Amino acid sequence: MSAVNICIIGAGSAVFSLRLVSDICKTKGLHKSKVTLMDIDEGRLEAVHVLASKLAEEMKTDLKFSKTTELEEAVAGSDFVINTALVGGHGFLDRIRAIGEKHGYYRGIDTQEFN
């Protein structure tokens, strides 16, 4: 496969996004691709951008990363768009945990994967 443009919407989740970036790094057919990270939370986006760039460097891949908070900019020219955005945002995860804990289910709900 030749280099492609991949857009990750909702890239501010470090755990999920870095797992995805790791998989992209391990896929030789995607080397030299461009990955655009998009999130509405600038702080989370910046953190993931730094970590993803470092991860790709450590894994000796030649992925190119860019970041934006603008959806239209993120998807422009993309060959693939991966939407990982969480409806309700990260505050929603805290509410789910609180409900479980209220009923005696302390941290048993893996809110990242909704088991």
PDB file of N, CA and C in Angstrom:
ATOM      1  N   MET A   1       0.852  -1.175   0.000  1.00  0.00           N
ATOM      2  CA  MET A   1       0.000   0.000   0.000  1.00  0.00           C
ATOM      3  C   MET A   1       0.896   1.235   0.000  1.00  0.00           C
ATOM      4  N   SER A   2       0.495   2.219  -0.739  1.00  0.00           N
ATOM      5  CA  SER A   2       1.265   3.463  -0.752  1.00  0.00           C
ATOM      6  C   SER A   2       0.815   4.363   0.390  1.00  0.00           C
ATOM      7  N   ALA A   3       1.556   5.416   0.610  1.00  0.00           N
ATOM      8  CA  ALA A   3       1.246   6.350   1.699  1.00  0.00           C
ATOM      9  C   ALA A   3      -0.163   6.906   1.524  1.00  0.00           C
ATOM     10  N   VAL A   4      -0.860   7.043   2.634  1.00  0.00           N
ATOM     11  CA  VAL A   4      -2.224   7.574   2.631  1.00  0.00           C
ATOM     12  C   VAL A   4      -2.340   8.681   3.669  1.00  0.00           C
ATOM     13  N   ASN A   5      -3.420   9.422   3.588  1.00  0.00           N
ATOM     14  CA  ASN A   5      -3.744  10.442   4.586  1.00  0.00           C
ATOM     15  C   ASN A   5      -4.837   9.884   5.487  1.00  0.00           C
ATOM     16  N   ILE A   6      -4.534   9.800   6.771  1.00  0.00           N
ATOM     17  CA  ILE A   6      -5.462   9.258   7.760  1.00  0.00           C
ATOM     18  C   ILE A   6      -5.831  10.365   8.730  1.00  0.00           C
ATOM     19  N   CYS A   7      -7.119  10.519   8.977  1.00  0.00           N
ATOM     20  CA  CYS A   7      -7.613  11.524   9.922  1.00  0.00           C
ATOM     21  C   CYS A   7      -8.225  10.802  11.115  1.00  0.00           C
ATOM     22  N   ILE A   8      -7.829  11.197  12.320  1.00  0.00           N
ATOM     23  CA  ILE A   8      -8.414  10.639  13.543  1.00  0.00           C
ATOM     24  C   ILE A   8      -9.173  11.760  14.248  1.00  0.00           C
ATOM     25  N   ILE A   9     -10.495  11.660  14.241  1.00  0.00           N
ATOM     26  CA  ILE A   9     -11.352  12.642  14.908  1.00  0.00           C
ATOM     27  C   ILE A   9     -11.569  12.180  16.347  1.00  0.00           C
ATOM     28  N   GLY A  10     -11.461  13.100  17.288  1.00  0.00           N
ATOM     29  CA  GLY A  10     -11.585  12.737  18.698  1.00  0.00           C
ATOM     30  C   GLY A  10     -10.281  12.164  19.221  1.00  0.00           C
ATOM     31  N   ALA A  11      -9.183  12.682  18.711  1.00  0.00           N
ATOM     32  CA  ALA A  11      -7.856  12.140  19.019  1.00  0.00           C
ATOM     33  C   ALA A  11      -7.356  12.517  20.407  1.00  0.00           C
ATOM     34  N   GLY A  12      -8.134  13.248  21.183  1.00  0.00           N
ATOM     35  CA  GLY A  12      -7.689  13.707  22.493  1.00  0.00           C
ATOM     36  C   GLY A  12      -7.627  12.637  23.563  1.00  0.00           C
ATOM     37  N   SER A  13      -8.106  11.443  23.267  1.00  0.00           N
ATOM     38  CA  SER A  13      -8.010  10.338  24.222  1.00  0.00           C
ATOM     39  C   SER A  13      -6.651   9.681  24.058  1.00  0.00           C
ATOM     40  N   ALA A  14      -5.770   9.916  25.008  1.00  0.00           N
ATOM     41  CA  ALA A  14      -4.404   9.396  24.895  1.00  0.00           C
ATOM     42  C   ALA A  14      -4.382   7.878  24.815  1.00  0.00           C
ATOM     43  N   VAL A  15      -5.162   7.204  25.634  1.00  0.00           N
ATOM     44  CA  VAL A  15      -5.141   5.743  25.647  1.00  0.00           C
ATOM     45  C   VAL A  15      -5.593   5.196  24.298  1.00  0.00           C
ATOM     46  N   PHE A  16      -6.768   5.610  23.849  1.00  0.00           N
ATOM     47  CA  PHE A  16      -7.304   5.066  22.603  1.00  0.00           C
ATOM     48  C   PHE A  16      -6.478   5.504  21.400  1.00  0.00           C
ATOM     49  N   SER A  17      -6.162   6.776  21.317  1.00  0.00           N
ATOM     50  CA  SER A  17      -5.430   7.291  20.151  1.00  0.00           C
ATOM     51  C   SER A  17      -4.041   6.688  20.036  1.00  0.00           C
ATOM     52  N   LEU A  18      -3.359   6.530  21.154  1.00  0.00           N
ATOM     53  CA  LEU A  18      -2.011   5.970  21.093  1.00  0.00           C
ATOM     54  C   LEU A  18      -2.027   4.488  20.734  1.00  0.00           C
ATOM     55  N   ARG A  19      -3.066   3.775  21.122  1.00  0.00           N
ATOM     56  CA  ARG A  19      -3.202   2.380  20.680  1.00  0.00           C
ATOM     57  C   ARG A  19      -3.381   2.341  19.165  1.00  0.00           C
ATOM     58  N   LEU A  20      -4.199   3.242  18.660  1.00  0.00           N
ATOM     59  CA  LEU A  20      -4.443   3.323  17.221  1.00  0.00           C
ATOM     60  C   LEU A  20      -3.171   3.716  16.472  1.00  0.00           C
ATOM     61  N   VAL A  21      -2.467   4.720  16.964  1.00  0.00           N
ATOM     62  CA  VAL A  21      -1.211   5.149  16.337  1.00  0.00           C
ATOM     63  C   VAL A  21      -0.189   4.013  16.378  1.00  0.00           C
ATOM     64  N   SER A  22      -0.138   3.281  17.469  1.00  0.00           N
ATOM     65  CA  SER A  22       0.779   2.146  17.571  1.00  0.00           C
ATOM     66  C   SER A  22       0.479   1.114  16.488  1.00  0.00           C
ATOM     67  N   ASP A  23      -0.794   0.823  16.276  1.00  0.00           N
ATOM     68  CA  ASP A  23      -1.174  -0.126  15.225  1.00  0.00           C
ATOM     69  C   ASP A  23      -0.791   0.393  13.842  1.00  0.00           C
ATOM     70  N   ILE A  24      -0.974   1.684  13.610  1.00  0.00           N
ATOM     71  CA  ILE A  24      -0.584   2.278  12.327  1.00  0.00           C
ATOM     72  C   ILE A  24       0.929   2.156  12.149  1.00  0.00           C
ATOM     73  N   CYS A  25       1.679   2.406  13.213  1.00  0.00           N
ATOM     74  CA  CYS A  25       3.143   2.297  13.153  1.00  0.00           C
ATOM     75  C   CYS A  25       3.589   0.879  12.813  1.00  0.00           C
ATOM     76  N   LYS A  26       2.853  -0.112  13.295  1.00  0.00           N
ATOM     77  CA  LYS A  26       3.221  -1.514  13.083  1.00  0.00           C
ATOM     78  C   LYS A  26       2.837  -2.024  11.696  1.00  0.00           C
ATOM     79  N   THR A  27       2.077  -1.242  10.956  1.00  0.00           N
ATOM     80  CA  THR A  27       1.610  -1.654   9.636  1.00  0.00           C
ATOM     81  C   THR A  27       2.538  -1.080   8.576  1.00  0.00           C
ATOM     82  N   LYS A  28       3.442  -1.911   8.079  1.00  0.00           N
ATOM     83  CA  LYS A  28       4.467  -1.438   7.145  1.00  0.00           C
ATOM     84  C   LYS A  28       3.869  -0.755   5.920  1.00  0.00           C
ATOM     85  N   GLY A  29       2.727  -1.205   5.464  1.00  0.00           N
ATOM     86  CA  GLY A  29       2.086  -0.609   4.301  1.00  0.00           C
ATOM     87  C   GLY A  29       1.623   0.822   4.521  1.00  0.00           C
ATOM     88  N   LEU A  30       1.596   1.263   5.772  1.00  0.00           N
ATOM     89  CA  LEU A  30       1.164   2.631   6.076  1.00  0.00           C
ATOM     90  C   LEU A  30       2.330   3.567   6.362  1.00  0.00           C
ATOM     91  N   HIS A  31       3.547   3.051   6.316  1.00  0.00           N
ATOM     92  CA  HIS A  31       4.706   3.921   6.545  1.00  0.00           C
ATOM     93  C   HIS A  31       4.716   5.027   5.496  1.00  0.00           C
ATOM     94  N   LYS A  32       5.208   6.164   5.872  1.00  0.00           N
ATOM     95  CA  LYS A  32       5.256   7.385   5.062  1.00  0.00           C
ATOM     96  C   LYS A  32       3.885   8.043   4.918  1.00  0.00           C
ATOM     97  N   SER A  33       2.905   7.553   5.651  1.00  0.00           N
ATOM     98  CA  SER A  33       1.575   8.154   5.611  1.00  0.00           C
ATOM     99  C   SER A  33       1.523   9.401   6.478  1.00  0.00           C
ATOM    100  N   LYS A  34       0.480  10.192   6.265  1.00  0.00           N
ATOM    101  CA  LYS A  34       0.243  11.390   7.073  1.00  0.00           C
ATOM    102  C   LYS A  34      -0.955  11.111   7.973  1.00  0.00           C
ATOM    103  N   VAL A  35      -0.803  11.405   9.252  1.00  0.00           N
ATOM    104  CA  VAL A  35      -1.878  11.217  10.220  1.00  0.00           C
ATOM    105  C   VAL A  35      -2.251  12.586  10.776  1.00  0.00           C
ATOM    106  N   THR A  36      -3.508  12.967  10.579  1.00  0.00           N
ATOM    107  CA  THR A  36      -4.006  14.226  11.117  1.00  0.00           C
ATOM    108  C   THR A  36      -4.824  13.924  12.364  1.00  0.00           C
ATOM    109  N   LEU A  37      -4.420  14.508  13.479  1.00  0.00           N
ATOM    110  CA  LEU A  37      -5.121  14.356  14.751  1.00  0.00           C
ATOM    111  C   LEU A  37      -6.052  15.540  14.931  1.00  0.00           C
ATOM    112  N   MET A  38      -7.322  15.275  15.239  1.00  0.00           N
ATOM    113  CA  MET A  38      -8.289  16.353  15.426  1.00  0.00           C
ATOM    114  C   MET A  38      -9.031  16.154  16.740  1.00  0.00           C
ATOM    115  N   ASP A  39      -9.127  17.207  17.530  1.00  0.00           N
ATOM    116  CA  ASP A  39      -9.917  17.187  18.757  1.00  0.00           C
ATOM    117  C   ASP A  39     -10.304  18.621  19.091  1.00  0.00           C
ATOM    118  N   ILE A  40     -11.407  18.791  19.796  1.00  0.00           N
ATOM    119  CA  ILE A  40     -11.832  20.143  20.170  1.00  0.00           C
ATOM    120  C   ILE A  40     -11.124  20.640  21.423  1.00  0.00           C
ATOM    121  N   ASP A  41     -10.493  19.741  22.160  1.00  0.00           N
ATOM    122  CA  ASP A  41      -9.764  20.107  23.374  1.00  0.00           C
ATOM    123  C   ASP A  41      -8.288  20.290  23.016  1.00  0.00           C
ATOM    124  N   GLU A  42      -7.847  21.536  22.939  1.00  0.00           N
ATOM    125  CA  GLU A  42      -6.479  21.836  22.503  1.00  0.00           C
ATOM    126  C   GLU A  42      -5.414  21.212  23.403  1.00  0.00           C
ATOM    127  N   GLY A  43      -5.655  21.192  24.699  1.00  0.00           N
ATOM    128  CA  GLY A  43      -4.685  20.625  25.631  1.00  0.00           C
ATOM    129  C   GLY A  43      -4.491  19.135  25.418  1.00  0.00           C
ATOM    130  N   ARG A  44      -5.593  18.411  25.316  1.00  0.00           N
ATOM    131  CA  ARG A  44      -5.524  16.968  25.078  1.00  0.00           C
ATOM    132  C   ARG A  44      -4.900  16.686  23.710  1.00  0.00           C
ATOM    133  N   LEU A  45      -5.290  17.485  22.724  1.00  0.00           N
ATOM    134  CA  LEU A  45      -4.765  17.320  21.368  1.00  0.00           C
ATOM    135  C   LEU A  45      -3.251  17.499  21.340  1.00  0.00           C
ATOM    136  N   GLU A  46      -2.767  18.525  21.994  1.00  0.00           N
ATOM    137  CA  GLU A  46      -1.322  18.781  22.030  1.00  0.00           C
ATOM    138  C   GLU A  46      -0.586  17.623  22.701  1.00  0.00           C
ATOM    139  N   ALA A  47      -1.128  17.130  23.805  1.00  0.00           N
ATOM    140  CA  ALA A  47      -0.486  16.018  24.519  1.00  0.00           C
ATOM    141  C   ALA A  47      -0.405  14.774  23.641  1.00  0.00           C
ATOM    142  N   VAL A  48      -1.496  14.445  22.969  1.00  0.00           N
ATOM    143  CA  VAL A  48      -1.505  13.260  22.108  1.00  0.00           C
ATOM    144  C   VAL A  48      -0.576  13.459  20.915  1.00  0.00           C
ATOM    145  N   HIS A  49      -0.539  14.667  20.367  1.00  0.00           N
ATOM    146  CA  HIS A  49       0.349  14.948  19.232  1.00  0.00           C
ATOM    147  C   HIS A  49       1.809  14.699  19.620  1.00  0.00           C
ATOM    148  N   VAL A  50       2.207  15.197  20.769  1.00  0.00           N
ATOM    149  CA  VAL A  50       3.584  15.003  21.247  1.00  0.00           C
ATOM    150  C   VAL A  50       3.864  13.517  21.475  1.00  0.00           C
ATOM    151  N   LEU A  51       2.948  12.837  22.158  1.00  0.00           N
ATOM    152  CA  LEU A  51       3.149  11.418  22.461  1.00  0.00           C
ATOM    153  C   LEU A  51       3.142  10.556  21.200  1.00  0.00           C
ATOM    154  N   ALA A  52       2.238  10.843  20.267  1.00  0.00           N
ATOM    155  CA  ALA A  52       2.165  10.069  19.022  1.00  0.00           C
ATOM    156  C   ALA A  52       3.436  10.251  18.198  1.00  0.00           C
ATOM    157  N   SER A  53       3.918  11.475  18.122  1.00  0.00           N
ATOM    158  CA  SER A  53       5.156  11.748  17.376  1.00  0.00           C
ATOM    159  C   SER A  53       6.331  10.999  17.993  1.00  0.00           C
ATOM    160  N   LYS A  54       6.397  11.010  19.314  1.00  0.00           N
ATOM    161  CA  LYS A  54       7.475  10.313  20.025  1.00  0.00           C
ATOM    162  C   LYS A  54       7.355   8.799  19.832  1.00  0.00           C
ATOM    163  N   LEU A  55       6.140   8.281  19.903  1.00  0.00           N
ATOM    164  CA  LEU A  55       5.909   6.849  19.708  1.00  0.00           C
ATOM    165  C   LEU A  55       6.357   6.419  18.311  1.00  0.00           C
ATOM    166  N   ALA A  56       5.976   7.174  17.293  1.00  0.00           N
ATOM    167  CA  ALA A  56       6.367   6.848  15.916  1.00  0.00           C
ATOM    168  C   ALA A  56       7.885   6.901  15.759  1.00  0.00           C
ATOM    169  N   GLU A  57       8.502   7.870  16.407  1.00  0.00           N
ATOM    170  CA  GLU A  57       9.966   7.990  16.363  1.00  0.00           C
ATOM    171  C   GLU A  57      10.623   6.779  17.029  1.00  0.00           C
ATOM    172  N   GLU A  58      10.116   6.398  18.203  1.00  0.00           N
ATOM    173  CA  GLU A  58      10.665   5.251  18.934  1.00  0.00           C
ATOM    174  C   GLU A  58      10.487   3.951  18.153  1.00  0.00           C
ATOM    175  N   MET A  59       9.386   3.856  17.396  1.00  0.00           N
ATOM    176  CA  MET A  59       9.110   2.648  16.620  1.00  0.00           C
ATOM    177  C   MET A  59       9.775   2.695  15.244  1.00  0.00           C
ATOM    178  N   LYS A  60      10.540   3.755  15.014  1.00  0.00           N
ATOM    179  CA  LYS A  60      11.301   3.920  13.769  1.00  0.00           C
ATOM    180  C   LYS A  60      10.416   3.870  12.523  1.00  0.00           C
ATOM    181  N   THR A  61       9.302   4.581  12.599  1.00  0.00           N
ATOM    182  CA  THR A  61       8.439   4.724  11.427  1.00  0.00           C
ATOM    183  C   THR A  61       8.568   6.147  10.922  1.00  0.00           C
ATOM    184  N   ASP A  62       8.168   6.353   9.717  1.00  0.00           N
ATOM    185  CA  ASP A  62       8.278   7.693   9.148  1.00  0.00           C
ATOM    186  C   ASP A  62       6.901   8.297   8.885  1.00  0.00           C
ATOM    187  N   LEU A  63       6.036   8.168   9.863  1.00  0.00           N
ATOM    188  CA  LEU A  63       4.725   8.811   9.779  1.00  0.00           C
ATOM    189  C   LEU A  63       4.884  10.310   9.990  1.00  0.00           C
ATOM    190  N   LYS A  64       4.054  11.073   9.332  1.00  0.00           N
ATOM    191  CA  LYS A  64       4.016  12.526   9.508  1.00  0.00           C
ATOM    192  C   LYS A  64       2.729  12.855  10.261  1.00  0.00           C
ATOM    193  N   PHE A  65       2.841  13.667  11.312  1.00  0.00           N
ATOM    194  CA  PHE A  65       1.680  14.030  12.118  1.00  0.00           C
ATOM    195  C   PHE A  65       1.376  15.514  11.985  1.00  0.00           C
ATOM    196  N   SER A  66       0.091  15.816  11.959  1.00  0.00           N
ATOM    197  CA  SER A  66      -0.358  17.199  12.070  1.00  0.00           C
ATOM    198  C   SER A  66      -1.530  17.194  13.041  1.00  0.00           C
ATOM    199  N   LYS A  67      -1.908  18.361  13.518  1.00  0.00           N
ATOM    200  CA  LYS A  67      -3.014  18.460  14.483  1.00  0.00           C
ATOM    201  C   LYS A  67      -3.843  19.687  14.167  1.00  0.00           C
ATOM    202  N   THR A  68      -5.119  19.601  14.502  1.00  0.00           N
ATOM    203  CA  THR A  68      -6.024  20.721  14.295  1.00  0.00           C
ATOM    204  C   THR A  68      -7.247  20.563  15.191  1.00  0.00           C
ATOM    205  N   THR A  69      -7.882  21.673  15.488  1.00  0.00           N
ATOM    206  CA  THR A  69      -9.155  21.642  16.212  1.00  0.00           C
ATOM    207  C   THR A  69     -10.324  21.845  15.250  1.00  0.00           C
ATOM    208  N   GLU A  70     -10.032  22.001  13.969  1.00  0.00           N
ATOM    209  CA  GLU A  70     -11.060  22.281  12.960  1.00  0.00           C
ATOM    210  C   GLU A  70     -11.385  21.024  12.152  1.00  0.00           C
ATOM    211  N   LEU A  71     -12.640  20.596  12.191  1.00  0.00           N
ATOM    212  CA  LEU A  71     -13.071  19.386  11.502  1.00  0.00           C
ATOM    213  C   LEU A  71     -12.828  19.457   9.996  1.00  0.00           C
ATOM    214  N   GLU A  72     -13.221  20.566   9.380  1.00  0.00           N
ATOM    215  CA  GLU A  72     -13.087  20.690   7.927  1.00  0.00           C
ATOM    216  C   GLU A  72     -11.629  20.581   7.495  1.00  0.00           C
ATOM    217  N   GLU A  73     -10.752  21.202   8.249  1.00  0.00           N
ATOM    218  CA  GLU A  73      -9.319  21.129   7.963  1.00  0.00           C
ATOM    219  C   GLU A  73      -8.809  19.700   8.129  1.00  0.00           C
ATOM    220  N   ALA A  74      -9.304  19.016   9.144  1.00  0.00           N
ATOM    221  CA  ALA A  74      -8.838  17.657   9.441  1.00  0.00           C
ATOM    222  C   ALA A  74      -9.182  16.675   8.328  1.00  0.00           C
ATOM    223  N   VAL A  75     -10.389  16.750   7.812  1.00  0.00           N
ATOM    224  CA  VAL A  75     -10.829  15.753   6.833  1.00  0.00           C
ATOM    225  C   VAL A  75     -10.416  16.093   5.403  1.00  0.00           C
ATOM    226  N   ALA A  76     -10.019  17.326   5.149  1.00  0.00           N
ATOM    227  CA  ALA A  76      -9.642  17.735   3.791  1.00  0.00           C
ATOM    228  C   ALA A  76      -8.485  16.872   3.281  1.00  0.00           C
ATOM    229  N   GLY A  77      -8.697  16.219   2.173  1.00  0.00           N
ATOM    230  CA  GLY A  77      -7.653  15.408   1.553  1.00  0.00           C
ATOM    231  C   GLY A  77      -7.412  14.058   2.205  1.00  0.00           C
ATOM    232  N   SER A  78      -8.241  13.688   3.164  1.00  0.00           N
ATOM    233  CA  SER A  78      -8.051  12.409   3.854  1.00  0.00           C
ATOM    234  C   SER A  78      -8.530  11.246   2.993  1.00  0.00           C
ATOM    235  N   ASP A  79      -7.761  10.173   3.013  1.00  0.00           N
ATOM    236  CA  ASP A  79      -8.177   8.930   2.365  1.00  0.00           C
ATOM    237  C   ASP A  79      -9.047   8.104   3.308  1.00  0.00           C
ATOM    238  N   PHE A  80      -8.752   8.200   4.596  1.00  0.00           N
ATOM    239  CA  PHE A  80      -9.504   7.480   5.621  1.00  0.00           C
ATOM    240  C   PHE A  80      -9.778   8.420   6.782  1.00  0.00           C
ATOM    241  N   VAL A  81     -11.007   8.367   7.305  1.00  0.00           N
ATOM    242  CA  VAL A  81     -11.387   9.154   8.478  1.00  0.00           C
ATOM    243  C   VAL A  81     -11.863   8.176   9.547  1.00  0.00           C
ATOM    244  N   ILE A  82     -11.227   8.238  10.712  1.00  0.00           N
ATOM    245  CA  ILE A  82     -11.589   7.377  11.837  1.00  0.00           C
ATOM    246  C   ILE A  82     -12.181   8.271  12.916  1.00  0.00           C
ATOM    247  N   ASN A  83     -13.449   8.034  13.246  1.00  0.00           N
ATOM    248  CA  ASN A  83     -14.129   8.857  14.243  1.00  0.00           C
ATOM    249  C   ASN A  83     -14.109   8.141  15.587  1.00  0.00           C
ATOM    250  N   THR A  84     -13.337   8.673  16.521  1.00  0.00           N
ATOM    251  CA  THR A  84     -13.256   8.092  17.865  1.00  0.00           C
ATOM    252  C   THR A  84     -13.868   9.023  18.911  1.00  0.00           C
ATOM    253  N   ALA A  85     -14.545  10.071  18.442  1.00  0.00           N
ATOM    254  CA  ALA A  85     -15.102  11.070  19.360  1.00  0.00           C
ATOM    255  C   ALA A  85     -16.137  10.428  20.277  1.00  0.00           C
ATOM    256  N   LEU A  86     -16.095  10.797  21.529  1.00  0.00           N
ATOM    257  CA  LEU A  86     -17.022  10.286  22.530  1.00  0.00           C
ATOM    258  C   LEU A  86     -18.141  11.295  22.725  1.00  0.00           C
ATOM    259  N   VAL A  87     -19.353  10.874  22.418  1.00  0.00           N
ATOM    260  CA  VAL A  87     -20.502  11.753  22.625  1.00  0.00           C
ATOM    261  C   VAL A  87     -20.605  12.064  24.109  1.00  0.00           C
ATOM    262  N   GLY A  88     -20.706  13.317  24.436  1.00  0.00           N
ATOM    263  CA  GLY A  88     -20.786  13.723  25.832  1.00  0.00           C
ATOM    264  C   GLY A  88     -19.434  14.077  26.427  1.00  0.00           C
ATOM    265  N   GLY A  89     -18.357  13.741  25.729  1.00  0.00           N
ATOM    266  CA  GLY A  89     -17.015  14.093  26.191  1.00  0.00           C
ATOM    267  C   GLY A  89     -16.547  13.237  27.354  1.00  0.00           C
ATOM    268  N   HIS A  90     -15.379  13.593  27.865  1.00  0.00           N
ATOM    269  CA  HIS A  90     -14.764  12.810  28.938  1.00  0.00           C
ATOM    270  C   HIS A  90     -15.506  12.951  30.262  1.00  0.00           C
ATOM    271  N   GLY A  91     -16.261  14.026  30.435  1.00  0.00           N
ATOM    272  CA  GLY A  91     -17.080  14.165  31.634  1.00  0.00           C
ATOM    273  C   GLY A  91     -18.124  13.061  31.725  1.00  0.00           C
ATOM    274  N   PHE A  92     -18.564  12.581  30.567  1.00  0.00           N
ATOM    275  CA  PHE A  92     -19.525  11.486  30.499  1.00  0.00           C
ATOM    276  C   PHE A  92     -18.955  10.232  31.162  1.00  0.00           C
ATOM    277  N   LEU A  93     -17.665   9.967  30.948  1.00  0.00           N
ATOM    278  CA  LEU A  93     -17.035   8.796  31.555  1.00  0.00           C
ATOM    279  C   LEU A  93     -17.050   8.894  33.076  1.00  0.00           C
ATOM    280  N   ASP A  94     -16.807  10.087  33.594  1.00  0.00           N
ATOM    281  CA  ASP A  94     -16.843  10.286  35.046  1.00  0.00           C
ATOM    282  C   ASP A  94     -18.237  10.022  35.598  1.00  0.00           C
ATOM    283  N   ARG A  95     -19.259  10.436  34.860  1.00  0.00           N
ATOM    284  CA  ARG A  95     -20.638  10.196  35.313  1.00  0.00           C
ATOM    285  C   ARG A  95     -20.956   8.702  35.329  1.00  0.00           C
ATOM    286  N   ILE A  96     -20.477   7.969  34.324  1.00  0.00           N
ATOM    287  CA  ILE A  96     -20.709   6.520  34.291  1.00  0.00           C
ATOM    288  C   ILE A  96     -20.027   5.851  35.481  1.00  0.00           C
ATOM    289  N   ARG A  97     -18.799   6.246  35.758  1.00  0.00           N
ATOM    290  CA  ARG A  97     -18.081   5.680  36.914  1.00  0.00           C
ATOM    291  C   ARG A  97     -18.836   5.977  38.211  1.00  0.00           C
ATOM    292  N   ALA A  98     -19.309   7.206  38.353  1.00  0.00           N
ATOM    293  CA  ALA A  98     -20.020   7.609  39.575  1.00  0.00           C
ATOM    294  C   ALA A  98     -21.281   6.772  39.774  1.00  0.00           C
ATOM    295  N   ILE A  99     -22.002   6.500  38.702  1.00  0.00           N
ATOM    296  CA  ILE A  99     -23.218   5.685  38.809  1.00  0.00           C
ATOM    297  C   ILE A  99     -22.860   4.276  39.273  1.00  0.00           C
ATOM    298  N   GLY A 100     -21.830   3.682  38.684  1.00  0.00           N
ATOM    299  CA  GLY A 100     -21.403   2.341  39.085  1.00  0.00           C
ATOM    300  C   GLY A 100     -20.976   2.294  40.538  1.00  0.00           C
ATOM    301  N   GLU A 101     -20.200   3.293  40.954  1.00  0.00           N
ATOM    302  CA  GLU A 101     -19.715   3.342  42.330  1.00  0.00           C
ATOM    303  C   GLU A 101     -20.857   3.555  43.316  1.00  0.00           C
ATOM    304  N   LYS A 102     -21.847   4.327  42.925  1.00  0.00           N
ATOM    305  CA  LYS A 102     -23.016   4.567  43.784  1.00  0.00           C
ATOM    306  C   LYS A 102     -23.715   3.249  44.113  1.00  0.00           C
ATOM    307  N   HIS A 103     -23.633   2.314  43.191  1.00  0.00           N
ATOM    308  CA  HIS A 103     -24.296   1.026  43.373  1.00  0.00           C
ATOM    309  C   HIS A 103     -23.321  -0.082  43.765  1.00  0.00           C
ATOM    310  N   GLY A 104     -22.137   0.314  44.289  1.00  0.00           N
ATOM    311  CA  GLY A 104     -21.192  -0.655  44.820  1.00  0.00           C
ATOM    312  C   GLY A 104     -20.276  -1.315  43.799  1.00  0.00           C
ATOM    313  N   TYR A 105     -20.219  -0.791  42.601  1.00  0.00           N
ATOM    314  CA  TYR A 105     -19.394  -1.389  41.544  1.00  0.00           C
ATOM    315  C   TYR A 105     -18.181  -0.507  41.332  1.00  0.00           C
ATOM    316  N   TYR A 106     -17.263  -0.519  42.292  1.00  0.00           N
ATOM    317  CA  TYR A 106     -16.132   0.400  42.310  1.00  0.00           C
ATOM    318  C   TYR A 106     -15.149   0.115  41.189  1.00  0.00           C
ATOM    319  N   ARG A 107     -15.025   1.032  40.263  1.00  0.00           N
ATOM    320  CA  ARG A 107     -14.084   0.989  39.136  1.00  0.00           C
ATOM    321  C   ARG A 107     -14.149  -0.308  38.346  1.00  0.00           C
ATOM    322  N   GLY A 108     -15.239  -1.018  38.477  1.00  0.00           N
ATOM    323  CA  GLY A 108     -15.380  -2.254  37.714  1.00  0.00           C
ATOM    324  C   GLY A 108     -15.831  -2.008  36.291  1.00  0.00           C
ATOM    325  N   ILE A 109     -16.420  -0.863  36.068  1.00  0.00           N
ATOM    326  CA  ILE A 109     -16.873  -0.552  34.718  1.00  0.00           C
ATOM    327  C   ILE A 109     -15.696   0.025  33.956  1.00  0.00           C
ATOM    328  N   ASP A 110     -15.271  -0.684  32.924  1.00  0.00           N
ATOM    329  CA  ASP A 110     -14.193  -0.165  32.084  1.00  0.00           C
ATOM    330  C   ASP A 110     -14.843   0.772  31.081  1.00  0.00           C
ATOM    331  N   THR A 111     -14.907   2.032  31.429  1.00  0.00           N
ATOM    332  CA  THR A 111     -15.653   2.982  30.617  1.00  0.00           C
ATOM    333  C   THR A 111     -14.993   3.288  29.290  1.00  0.00           C
ATOM    334  N   GLN A 112     -13.771   2.850  29.093  1.00  0.00           N
ATOM    335  CA  GLN A 112     -13.157   3.027  27.775  1.00  0.00           C
ATOM    336  C   GLN A 112     -13.724   2.017  26.784  1.00  0.00           C
ATOM    337  N   GLU A 113     -14.110   0.852  27.274  1.00  0.00           N
ATOM    338  CA  GLU A 113     -14.570  -0.201  26.374  1.00  0.00           C
ATOM    339  C   GLU A 113     -16.018  -0.595  26.632  1.00  0.00           C
ATOM    340  N   PHE A 114     -16.646  -0.035  27.620  1.00  0.00           N
ATOM    341  CA  PHE A 114     -18.045  -0.305  27.945  1.00  0.00           C
ATOM    342  C   PHE A 114     -18.350  -1.802  27.952  1.00  0.00           C
ATOM    343  N   ASN A 115     -17.626  -2.547  28.819  1.00  0.00           N
ATOM    344  CA  ASN A 115     -17.837  -3.997  28.857  1.00  0.00           C
ATOM    345  C   ASN A 115     -19.243  -4.256  29.306  1.00  0.00           C
TER     346      ASN A 115
END
